[in-house]
Amino acid sequence: MSEADETPRMEIVRGNPTEEELAALMAVVAEAYSHESAEAVAEVPRVSAWQLTRRGIRRPLRRDIPWGRYSG
């Protein structure tokens, strides 16, 4: 990934803001973005030995098939 791909991009789709308004908007958004990205920490899930060694849960029993394939 290049540096250009990581740079946030802002697009004004309506209105005619002044340079001061754009500068204020960019400052507020940049501060909010840096604050959120600094606090965004994903916890690494810890997997116990039990979870590693246990077998998968079996599928539920099919109630539509009679026992021993007997229908009578």
C-alpha atoms as a PDB file:
ATOM      1  CA  MET A   1       0.000   0.000   0.000  1.00  0.00           C
ATOM      2  CA  SER A   2       1.449   3.332  -0.969  1.00  0.00           C
ATOM      3  CA  GLU A   3       1.427   6.460   1.152  1.00  0.00           C
ATOM      4  CA  ALA A   4      -1.134   8.084  -1.153  1.00  0.00           C
ATOM      5  CA  ASP A   5      -3.593   5.274  -0.376  1.00  0.00           C
ATOM      6  CA  GLU A   6      -3.360   5.939   3.370  1.00  0.00           C
ATOM      7  CA  THR A   7      -3.920   9.693   3.169  1.00  0.00           C
ATOM      8  CA  PRO A   8      -7.459  10.651   4.214  1.00  0.00           C
ATOM      9  CA  ARG A   9      -9.455  12.341   1.499  1.00  0.00           C
ATOM     10  CA  MET A  10     -12.201  14.936   1.860  1.00  0.00           C
ATOM     11  CA  GLU A  11     -14.605  15.998  -0.866  1.00  0.00           C
ATOM     12  CA  ILE A  12     -17.021  18.926  -0.710  1.00  0.00           C
ATOM     13  CA  VAL A  13     -20.114  18.005  -2.710  1.00  0.00           C
ATOM     14  CA  ARG A  14     -22.358  20.975  -2.038  1.00  0.00           C
ATOM     15  CA  GLY A  15     -22.013  24.625  -1.168  1.00  0.00           C
ATOM     16  CA  ASN A  16     -19.174  27.078  -1.550  1.00  0.00           C
ATOM     17  CA  PRO A  17     -17.114  27.122   1.669  1.00  0.00           C
ATOM     18  CA  THR A  18     -14.426  29.721   2.273  1.00  0.00           C
ATOM     19  CA  GLU A  19     -10.811  28.762   2.863  1.00  0.00           C
ATOM     20  CA  GLU A  20     -11.217  29.497   6.580  1.00  0.00           C
ATOM     21  CA  GLU A  21     -14.250  27.204   6.789  1.00  0.00           C
ATOM     22  CA  LEU A  22     -12.366  24.421   4.992  1.00  0.00           C
ATOM     23  CA  ALA A  23      -9.379  24.866   7.286  1.00  0.00           C
ATOM     24  CA  ALA A  24     -11.610  24.693  10.361  1.00  0.00           C
ATOM     25  CA  LEU A  25     -13.374  21.597   9.027  1.00  0.00           C
ATOM     26  CA  MET A  26     -10.094  19.856   8.242  1.00  0.00           C
ATOM     27  CA  ALA A  27      -8.705  20.678  11.691  1.00  0.00           C
ATOM     28  CA  VAL A  28     -11.766  19.311  13.482  1.00  0.00           C
ATOM     29  CA  VAL A  29     -11.963  16.149  11.363  1.00  0.00           C
ATOM     30  CA  ALA A  30      -8.216  15.511  11.600  1.00  0.00           C
ATOM     31  CA  GLU A  31      -8.281  15.897  15.396  1.00  0.00           C
ATOM     32  CA  ALA A  32     -11.293  13.589  15.737  1.00  0.00           C
ATOM     33  CA  TYR A  33      -9.658  11.037  13.425  1.00  0.00           C
ATOM     34  CA  SER A  34      -6.336  11.042  15.297  1.00  0.00           C
ATOM     35  CA  HIS A  35      -8.130  10.837  18.666  1.00  0.00           C
ATOM     36  CA  GLU A  36     -10.263   7.900  17.549  1.00  0.00           C
ATOM     37  CA  SER A  37      -7.406   6.021  15.902  1.00  0.00           C
ATOM     38  CA  ALA A  38      -5.264   6.440  19.038  1.00  0.00           C
ATOM     39  CA  GLU A  39      -7.981   4.908  21.216  1.00  0.00           C
ATOM     40  CA  ALA A  40      -9.035   2.173  18.791  1.00  0.00           C
ATOM     41  CA  VAL A  41      -7.327  -0.908  20.135  1.00  0.00           C
ATOM     42  CA  ALA A  42      -8.581  -4.342  19.200  1.00  0.00           C
ATOM     43  CA  GLU A  43      -8.220  -6.946  21.896  1.00  0.00           C
ATOM     44  CA  VAL A  44      -6.449 -10.083  20.818  1.00  0.00           C
ATOM     45  CA  PRO A  45      -8.706 -13.001  21.689  1.00  0.00           C
ATOM     46  CA  ARG A  46      -7.017 -15.442  24.031  1.00  0.00           C
ATOM     47  CA  VAL A  47      -7.560 -19.074  23.169  1.00  0.00           C
ATOM     48  CA  SER A  48      -7.325 -21.536  26.025  1.00  0.00           C
ATOM     49  CA  ALA A  49      -5.884 -25.029  25.728  1.00  0.00           C
ATOM     50  CA  TRP A  50      -9.416 -26.370  26.132  1.00  0.00           C
ATOM     51  CA  GLN A  51     -10.631 -24.438  23.116  1.00  0.00           C
ATOM     52  CA  LEU A  52      -7.704 -25.645  21.040  1.00  0.00           C
ATOM     53  CA  THR A  53      -8.198 -29.332  21.819  1.00  0.00           C
ATOM     54  CA  ARG A  54     -11.954 -29.696  21.925  1.00  0.00           C
ATOM     55  CA  ARG A  55     -13.677 -31.191  18.943  1.00  0.00           C
ATOM     56  CA  GLY A  56     -16.250 -29.301  16.974  1.00  0.00           C
ATOM     57  CA  ILE A  57     -19.867 -29.309  18.026  1.00  0.00           C
ATOM     58  CA  ARG A  58     -21.805 -32.020  16.254  1.00  0.00           C
ATOM     59  CA  ARG A  59     -24.648 -31.246  13.934  1.00  0.00           C
ATOM     60  CA  PRO A  60     -28.155 -31.420  15.414  1.00  0.00           C
ATOM     61  CA  LEU A  61     -30.067 -34.676  15.062  1.00  0.00           C
ATOM     62  CA  ARG A  62     -32.343 -34.885  12.078  1.00  0.00           C
ATOM     63  CA  ARG A  63     -35.837 -35.472  13.393  1.00  0.00           C
ATOM     64  CA  ASP A  64     -37.264 -36.113   9.935  1.00  0.00           C
ATOM     65  CA  ILE A  65     -35.422 -39.466   9.579  1.00  0.00           C
ATOM     66  CA  PRO A  66     -36.945 -42.255  11.716  1.00  0.00           C
ATOM     67  CA  TRP A  67     -34.638 -44.450  13.841  1.00  0.00           C
ATOM     68  CA  GLY A  68     -33.087 -47.286  11.854  1.00  0.00           C
ATOM     69  CA  ARG A  69     -34.782 -45.996   8.721  1.00  0.00           C
ATOM     70  CA  TYR A  70     -37.975 -47.817   9.737  1.00  0.00           C
ATOM     71  CA  SER A  71     -41.078 -45.957   8.842  1.00  0.00           C
ATOM     72  CA  GLY A  72     -43.643 -48.444  10.096  1.00  0.00           C
END
